[in-house]
Amino acid sequence: MKKLLVFLLVASMLAAPALAAGYPEKGITLIVPWNAGGSSDLIGRLLVADMEQTMGVRISVVNTPGATGTIGMNDAFLAPHDGYTLIANATPYGHGVQGMADWAPYDWDFFAAYYVPGIIAVNKDSEYKTFDDLYQALKNNPDTVTGGTAGVGSTGYVNMEVLKSVDPAFGNYKSISYTGGAAAVTATLAGEVDFTPQLSNEMIDLLRSGDLVALAALTAEDLTLEGLDYTIPSIKTFLPEVESVLPLGDAFGLMFPSDVPQEAKDALEAAYLKATETDAAKAFANEKGVILQGLNLEESNALRDATTSRVTWILYDNGAAPVSPEQFNIPRP
């Protein structure tokens, strides 16, 4: 009997680390801080569909749009930092410097799953048949051309601000904000705005159908997308001076507060990396015109920091961000 008790005690001690690292023990919530159909939503849903099978728990997706993604991000940050509330979004760099949040980019750990390039596109019936047509209108007729984005701080908006840092003509458009990238693209399709500088996967189906026309890719090289019968010229073809800020787009994936317990981080990272290796993840890249990255946590956070340094200082120097990056200890690049 004594030997049995000793055996049980030793067995329980050996099992203790496994029990302590029992994450996840319940369902997980993924907050998408944008409406359905945009880059964050599509990529987040794709990843967690495989992750919930790996982790053995339900991952419920909740769309919480508003304030350029800040409402959903704040909801996640105010929830317990226990690994049970995740965010699907792009690199979290701009909220603090734009005065929308008190947290800093490094308060979030990031998984960069896909890189999504920016594209300047117009309705098929647009008067602007080439990028040069659009550029000349921006340059010569300030405040007459409208552009639709997902709002201040969104990737489309930031694309224009970064281009403006090289050529002031890019600041001459009237910026119209929508509740997400998909909504901005739909507005361009409907003729509510003249163009959109949004992301490839938000407009790829409309480009393939011919309802939207891509005038320029915000990439260093010409962009070829599966199912599109023409190559999208790089913007540097028209304006060589902008090459220094290319490519323009963003990395999209999952994130959570950086002080989440390590056992949760490890489990999430393993499940996420597995999700990026699936046939579905690879097919999504081809189908949606994006680049599969599948960066691990360390690599993703390094990308977060490099993007933060470059973009926040451009926004601040342009006057598009009222709060200095210095307040968040963000160094100049």
Protein backbone atom coordinates (compact mmCIF):
# COMPACT_ATOMS: atom_id res chain seq x y z
CA MET A 1 0.00 0.00 0.00
CA LYS A 2 2.83 2.34 0.92
CA LYS A 3 4.55 1.65 -2.40
CA LEU A 4 1.29 2.37 -4.22
CA LEU A 5 0.93 5.74 -2.46
CA VAL A 6 4.49 6.68 -3.33
CA PHE A 7 3.90 5.68 -6.96
CA LEU A 8 0.74 7.79 -7.14
CA LEU A 9 2.54 10.77 -5.58
CA VAL A 10 5.41 10.57 -8.05
CA ALA A 11 2.99 10.13 -10.94
CA SER A 12 1.02 13.19 -9.88
CA MET A 13 4.23 15.24 -9.63
CA LEU A 14 5.28 14.17 -13.10
CA ALA A 15 1.86 15.06 -14.46
CA ALA A 16 1.80 18.50 -12.83
CA PRO A 17 3.60 20.36 -15.64
CA ALA A 18 1.16 18.96 -18.19
CA LEU A 19 -1.77 20.08 -16.09
CA ALA A 20 -0.26 23.53 -15.57
CA ALA A 21 0.18 23.82 -19.31
CA GLY A 22 -3.38 22.74 -20.01
CA TYR A 23 -4.18 25.63 -22.35
CA PRO A 24 -6.64 25.70 -23.99
CA GLU A 25 -9.22 24.44 -21.55
CA LYS A 26 -12.18 26.31 -23.06
CA GLY A 27 -13.30 28.04 -26.22
CA ILE A 28 -11.38 30.96 -27.68
CA THR A 29 -12.81 34.17 -29.14
CA LEU A 30 -11.35 35.76 -32.24
CA ILE A 31 -12.32 39.42 -32.57
CA VAL A 32 -12.20 40.85 -36.08
CA PRO A 33 -12.25 44.64 -35.60
CA TRP A 34 -13.69 45.19 -39.08
CA ASN A 35 -16.77 44.17 -41.02
CA ALA A 36 -16.94 40.80 -42.72
CA GLY A 37 -15.24 40.42 -46.10
CA GLY A 38 -12.10 42.48 -45.58
CA SER A 39 -8.51 41.27 -45.34
CA SER A 40 -8.50 40.79 -41.57
CA ASP A 41 -11.78 38.89 -41.62
CA LEU A 42 -10.92 36.55 -44.49
CA ILE A 43 -7.45 35.71 -43.20
CA GLY A 44 -8.52 35.37 -39.58
CA ARG A 45 -11.34 32.97 -40.41
CA LEU A 46 -9.07 30.89 -42.64
CA LEU A 47 -6.44 30.47 -39.92
CA VAL A 48 -8.73 29.65 -37.01
CA ALA A 49 -10.70 27.11 -39.05
CA ASP A 50 -7.63 24.86 -38.92
CA MET A 51 -6.38 26.03 -35.52
CA GLU A 52 -9.54 24.99 -33.71
CA GLN A 53 -9.12 21.45 -35.02
CA THR A 54 -5.51 21.38 -33.83
CA MET A 55 -6.30 22.86 -30.42
CA GLY A 56 -9.47 20.87 -29.87
CA VAL A 57 -11.65 23.83 -28.87
CA ARG A 58 -14.14 26.07 -30.61
CA ILE A 59 -12.78 29.43 -31.84
CA SER A 60 -15.73 31.78 -32.22
CA VAL A 61 -15.35 34.72 -34.62
CA VAL A 62 -16.92 38.04 -33.64
CA ASN A 63 -16.86 41.06 -35.96
CA THR A 64 -16.60 44.27 -33.93
CA PRO A 65 -16.00 47.13 -36.40
CA GLY A 66 -15.54 50.77 -35.55
CA ALA A 67 -12.95 53.54 -35.07
CA THR A 68 -10.56 52.07 -37.65
CA GLY A 69 -10.30 48.81 -35.79
CA THR A 70 -9.75 50.38 -32.38
CA ILE A 71 -13.02 49.27 -30.77
CA GLY A 72 -12.34 45.59 -31.31
CA MET A 73 -8.69 45.96 -30.35
CA ASN A 74 -9.64 47.72 -27.13
CA ASP A 75 -12.19 45.00 -26.35
CA ALA A 76 -9.46 42.39 -26.63
CA PHE A 77 -6.99 44.42 -24.60
CA LEU A 78 -9.52 44.94 -21.79
CA ALA A 79 -10.32 41.20 -21.66
CA PRO A 80 -8.15 38.97 -19.44
CA HIS A 81 -4.71 38.47 -20.97
CA ASP A 82 -5.01 34.71 -20.79
CA GLY A 83 -4.83 33.69 -24.44
CA TYR A 84 -8.58 33.20 -24.83
CA THR A 85 -9.18 36.45 -26.75
CA LEU A 86 -7.38 36.94 -30.05
CA ILE A 87 -7.46 39.62 -32.73
CA ALA A 88 -7.34 39.25 -36.52
CA ASN A 89 -5.78 42.37 -37.98
CA ALA A 90 -2.84 43.91 -39.79
CA THR A 91 0.36 45.09 -38.12
CA PRO A 92 -0.70 47.07 -35.01
CA TYR A 93 1.40 50.19 -35.52
CA GLY A 94 -0.74 53.30 -35.86
CA HIS A 95 -3.41 53.42 -33.17
CA GLY A 96 -1.31 55.11 -30.48
CA VAL A 97 0.27 57.84 -32.62
CA GLN A 98 -3.13 58.66 -34.07
CA GLY A 99 -4.49 59.22 -30.57
CA MET A 100 -6.94 56.33 -30.71
CA ALA A 101 -5.40 54.07 -28.05
CA ASP A 102 -3.02 54.18 -25.10
CA TRP A 103 -1.31 50.89 -25.87
CA ALA A 104 1.85 50.64 -27.95
CA PRO A 105 2.52 48.28 -30.88
CA TYR A 106 4.83 46.17 -28.73
CA ASP A 107 1.96 45.56 -26.29
CA TRP A 108 0.75 43.04 -28.90
CA ASP A 109 2.41 39.84 -30.04
CA PHE A 110 1.88 39.23 -33.73
CA PHE A 111 1.65 36.31 -36.16
CA ALA A 112 2.26 37.58 -39.72
CA ALA A 113 0.54 35.02 -41.94
CA TYR A 114 0.18 36.85 -45.27
CA TYR A 115 1.60 39.90 -46.96
CA VAL A 116 -1.09 41.74 -48.93
CA PRO A 117 0.05 44.30 -51.53
CA GLY A 118 -1.75 47.56 -52.13
CA ILE A 119 -3.31 48.31 -55.52
CA ILE A 120 -4.68 51.56 -56.90
CA ALA A 121 -7.88 50.64 -58.74
CA VAL A 122 -10.82 52.36 -60.40
CA ASN A 123 -14.26 51.44 -61.73
CA LYS A 124 -14.22 50.04 -65.27
CA ASP A 125 -16.16 53.11 -66.42
CA SER A 126 -13.77 55.57 -64.79
CA GLU A 127 -12.52 58.55 -66.73
CA TYR A 128 -9.06 57.61 -65.47
CA LYS A 129 -7.81 54.97 -67.89
CA THR A 130 -4.20 54.91 -66.72
CA PHE A 131 -2.39 55.70 -63.50
CA ASP A 132 -0.93 58.77 -65.17
CA ASP A 133 -4.48 60.05 -65.83
CA LEU A 134 -5.28 59.74 -62.14
CA TYR A 135 -1.98 61.23 -61.02
CA GLN A 136 -2.34 64.27 -63.28
CA ALA A 137 -5.83 64.88 -61.87
CA LEU A 138 -4.46 64.68 -58.32
CA LYS A 139 -1.60 67.00 -59.18
CA ASN A 140 -3.49 69.59 -61.20
CA ASN A 141 -6.94 69.56 -59.60
CA PRO A 142 -6.56 69.29 -55.80
CA ASP A 143 -9.59 68.17 -53.79
CA THR A 144 -11.58 67.07 -56.81
CA VAL A 145 -10.61 63.39 -56.82
CA THR A 146 -12.11 61.12 -54.16
CA GLY A 147 -10.49 58.00 -52.74
CA GLY A 148 -12.12 55.35 -50.59
CA THR A 149 -10.27 53.64 -47.73
CA ALA A 150 -11.12 51.87 -44.50
CA GLY A 151 -10.40 55.07 -42.61
CA VAL A 152 -7.55 56.85 -40.84
CA GLY A 153 -4.91 54.32 -39.87
CA SER A 154 -6.09 51.64 -42.29
CA THR A 155 -3.64 50.23 -44.80
CA GLY A 156 -5.18 52.04 -47.77
CA TYR A 157 -5.04 55.36 -45.94
CA VAL A 158 -1.46 54.73 -44.83
CA ASN A 159 -0.46 53.80 -48.39
CA MET A 160 -1.47 57.27 -49.55
CA GLU A 161 0.29 58.95 -46.63
CA VAL A 162 3.53 57.13 -47.36
CA LEU A 163 3.31 58.07 -51.04
CA LYS A 164 2.59 61.65 -49.98
CA SER A 165 5.87 61.68 -48.03
CA VAL A 166 7.65 61.30 -51.38
CA ASP A 167 5.28 63.28 -53.62
CA PRO A 168 2.88 65.84 -52.10
CA ALA A 169 0.40 65.33 -54.97
CA PHE A 170 -0.81 62.18 -53.22
CA GLY A 171 -2.23 64.38 -50.48
CA ASN A 172 -4.55 66.18 -52.90
CA TYR A 173 -7.40 63.67 -52.89
CA LYS A 174 -10.54 63.78 -50.76
CA SER A 175 -10.33 60.85 -48.40
CA ILE A 176 -13.65 59.06 -47.84
CA SER A 177 -13.71 56.56 -44.97
CA TYR A 178 -15.69 53.33 -44.93
CA THR A 179 -16.21 50.63 -42.32
CA GLY A 180 -13.69 48.29 -43.90
CA GLY A 181 -11.63 47.56 -46.98
CA ALA A 182 -14.40 45.57 -48.63
CA ALA A 183 -16.80 48.48 -48.18
CA ALA A 184 -14.30 50.91 -49.72
CA VAL A 185 -13.87 48.63 -52.72
CA THR A 186 -17.64 48.31 -53.10
CA ALA A 187 -17.93 52.10 -53.03
CA THR A 188 -15.40 52.32 -55.85
CA LEU A 189 -17.39 49.76 -57.82
CA ALA A 190 -20.56 51.80 -57.28
CA GLY A 191 -18.91 55.05 -58.38
CA GLU A 192 -19.20 56.68 -54.95
CA VAL A 193 -15.46 57.40 -55.06
CA ASP A 194 -13.03 57.75 -57.95
CA PHE A 195 -10.44 55.25 -56.79
CA THR A 196 -9.30 53.05 -53.95
CA PRO A 197 -5.73 52.31 -52.76
CA GLN A 198 -6.87 49.24 -50.85
CA LEU A 199 -5.54 45.71 -50.79
CA SER A 200 -5.36 43.01 -53.44
CA ASN A 201 -7.50 40.38 -51.73
CA GLU A 202 -10.31 42.87 -51.14
CA MET A 203 -10.69 43.54 -54.86
CA ILE A 204 -9.28 40.48 -56.64
CA ASP A 205 -12.64 39.05 -57.71
CA LEU A 206 -13.74 42.39 -59.14
CA LEU A 207 -10.42 42.76 -60.96
CA ARG A 208 -10.85 39.32 -62.50
CA SER A 209 -14.39 40.11 -63.59
CA GLY A 210 -13.25 43.40 -65.11
CA ASP A 211 -15.59 45.51 -62.99
CA LEU A 212 -12.56 47.15 -61.40
CA VAL A 213 -9.34 48.01 -63.24
CA ALA A 214 -5.96 48.06 -61.50
CA LEU A 215 -3.98 51.13 -62.56
CA ALA A 216 -0.87 50.50 -60.47
CA ALA A 217 0.52 48.04 -57.95
CA LEU A 218 2.23 49.47 -54.88
CA THR A 219 5.00 46.93 -55.28
CA ALA A 220 8.63 47.22 -56.32
CA GLU A 221 7.99 45.03 -59.37
CA ASP A 222 5.05 44.58 -61.73
CA LEU A 223 2.40 42.37 -60.16
CA THR A 224 0.95 39.26 -61.78
CA LEU A 225 -2.17 37.80 -60.15
CA GLU A 226 -3.66 34.43 -60.95
CA GLY A 227 -6.79 34.75 -63.08
CA LEU A 228 -6.04 38.31 -64.18
CA ASP A 229 -5.32 38.60 -67.89
CA TYR A 230 -2.96 41.57 -67.57
CA THR A 231 0.07 42.45 -65.48
CA ILE A 232 -0.42 45.34 -63.09
CA PRO A 233 2.42 47.85 -63.58
CA SER A 234 4.42 48.89 -60.53
CA ILE A 235 3.78 52.48 -59.55
CA LYS A 236 7.50 53.13 -59.95
CA THR A 237 6.98 52.67 -63.71
CA PHE A 238 5.23 56.05 -63.65
CA LEU A 239 7.03 57.65 -60.70
CA PRO A 240 10.52 56.19 -60.19
CA GLU A 241 11.08 58.33 -57.09
CA VAL A 242 8.56 56.34 -55.04
CA GLU A 243 10.66 53.18 -55.23
CA SER A 244 12.29 54.08 -51.90
CA VAL A 245 9.03 53.47 -50.00
CA LEU A 246 7.93 50.31 -51.80
CA PRO A 247 6.37 47.85 -51.27
CA LEU A 248 3.23 49.27 -49.72
CA GLY A 249 0.69 46.92 -48.24
CA ASP A 250 0.64 45.14 -44.93
CA ALA A 251 1.13 41.87 -43.14
CA PHE A 252 -2.08 40.29 -41.83
CA GLY A 253 -2.60 37.60 -39.25
CA LEU A 254 -3.41 37.11 -35.60
CA MET A 255 -2.37 38.89 -32.42
CA PHE A 256 -2.89 38.93 -28.67
CA PRO A 257 -1.55 40.97 -25.73
CA SER A 258 2.17 40.40 -25.29
CA ASP A 259 1.86 39.45 -21.61
CA VAL A 260 -0.25 36.35 -22.35
CA PRO A 261 1.17 33.31 -20.49
CA GLN A 262 3.99 31.56 -22.32
CA GLU A 263 2.20 28.21 -22.48
CA ALA A 264 -0.65 29.89 -24.35
CA LYS A 265 1.77 31.61 -26.72
CA ASP A 266 3.49 28.32 -27.48
CA ALA A 267 0.23 26.52 -28.16
CA LEU A 268 -1.11 29.32 -30.34
CA GLU A 269 2.12 29.57 -32.31
CA ALA A 270 2.24 25.83 -32.99
CA ALA A 271 -1.39 25.75 -34.15
CA TYR A 272 -0.98 28.90 -36.25
CA LEU A 273 2.17 27.65 -38.00
CA LYS A 274 0.41 24.38 -38.81
CA ALA A 275 -2.52 26.35 -40.26
CA THR A 276 -0.20 28.27 -42.60
CA GLU A 277 1.16 25.00 -44.04
CA THR A 278 -2.20 23.62 -45.16
CA ASP A 279 -3.34 23.28 -48.75
CA ALA A 280 -6.16 25.69 -47.90
CA ALA A 281 -3.68 28.36 -46.80
CA LYS A 282 -1.65 27.95 -49.99
CA ALA A 283 -4.75 27.96 -52.18
CA PHE A 284 -5.97 31.13 -50.46
CA ALA A 285 -2.76 32.92 -51.49
CA ASN A 286 -3.34 32.11 -55.16
CA GLU A 287 -7.07 32.72 -55.02
CA LYS A 288 -6.84 36.07 -53.24
CA GLY A 289 -3.68 37.49 -54.80
CA VAL A 290 -1.63 37.58 -51.59
CA ILE A 291 1.74 36.26 -50.43
CA LEU A 292 1.88 33.48 -47.84
CA GLN A 293 4.49 34.37 -45.20
CA GLY A 294 3.80 32.13 -42.21
CA LEU A 295 6.30 33.95 -40.01
CA ASN A 296 6.83 32.67 -36.48
CA LEU A 297 6.32 34.86 -33.41
CA GLU A 298 9.87 36.20 -33.27
CA GLU A 299 9.97 36.98 -36.99
CA SER A 300 6.51 38.55 -36.91
CA ASN A 301 7.36 40.81 -33.98
CA ALA A 302 10.55 41.91 -35.75
CA LEU A 303 8.44 42.83 -38.79
CA ARG A 304 6.00 44.64 -36.48
CA ASP A 305 8.81 46.75 -35.02
CA ALA A 306 10.36 47.61 -38.40
CA THR A 307 6.98 48.61 -39.85
CA THR A 308 6.12 50.60 -36.73
CA SER A 309 9.33 52.60 -36.88
CA ARG A 310 9.00 53.41 -40.58
CA VAL A 311 5.29 54.15 -40.84
CA THR A 312 4.57 55.97 -37.57
CA TRP A 313 7.29 58.53 -38.17
CA ILE A 314 6.04 59.14 -41.72
CA LEU A 315 2.52 59.65 -40.38
CA TYR A 316 3.76 62.01 -37.66
CA ASP A 317 6.01 64.01 -39.97
CA ASN A 318 3.14 64.32 -42.49
CA GLY A 319 0.81 65.65 -39.81
CA ALA A 320 -1.44 62.60 -40.16
CA ALA A 321 -0.60 61.44 -36.64
CA PRO A 322 -0.96 63.96 -33.79
CA VAL A 323 1.06 62.02 -31.20
CA SER A 324 4.82 61.70 -31.51
CA PRO A 325 6.14 58.13 -31.77
CA GLU A 326 8.65 59.16 -29.10
CA GLN A 327 5.84 58.93 -26.54
CA PHE A 328 5.72 55.18 -27.26
CA ASN A 329 9.52 54.80 -27.38
CA ILE A 330 9.40 54.15 -31.12
CA PRO A 331 12.79 55.00 -32.68
CA ARG A 332 13.18 56.76 -35.99
CA PRO A 333 14.24 54.33 -38.72
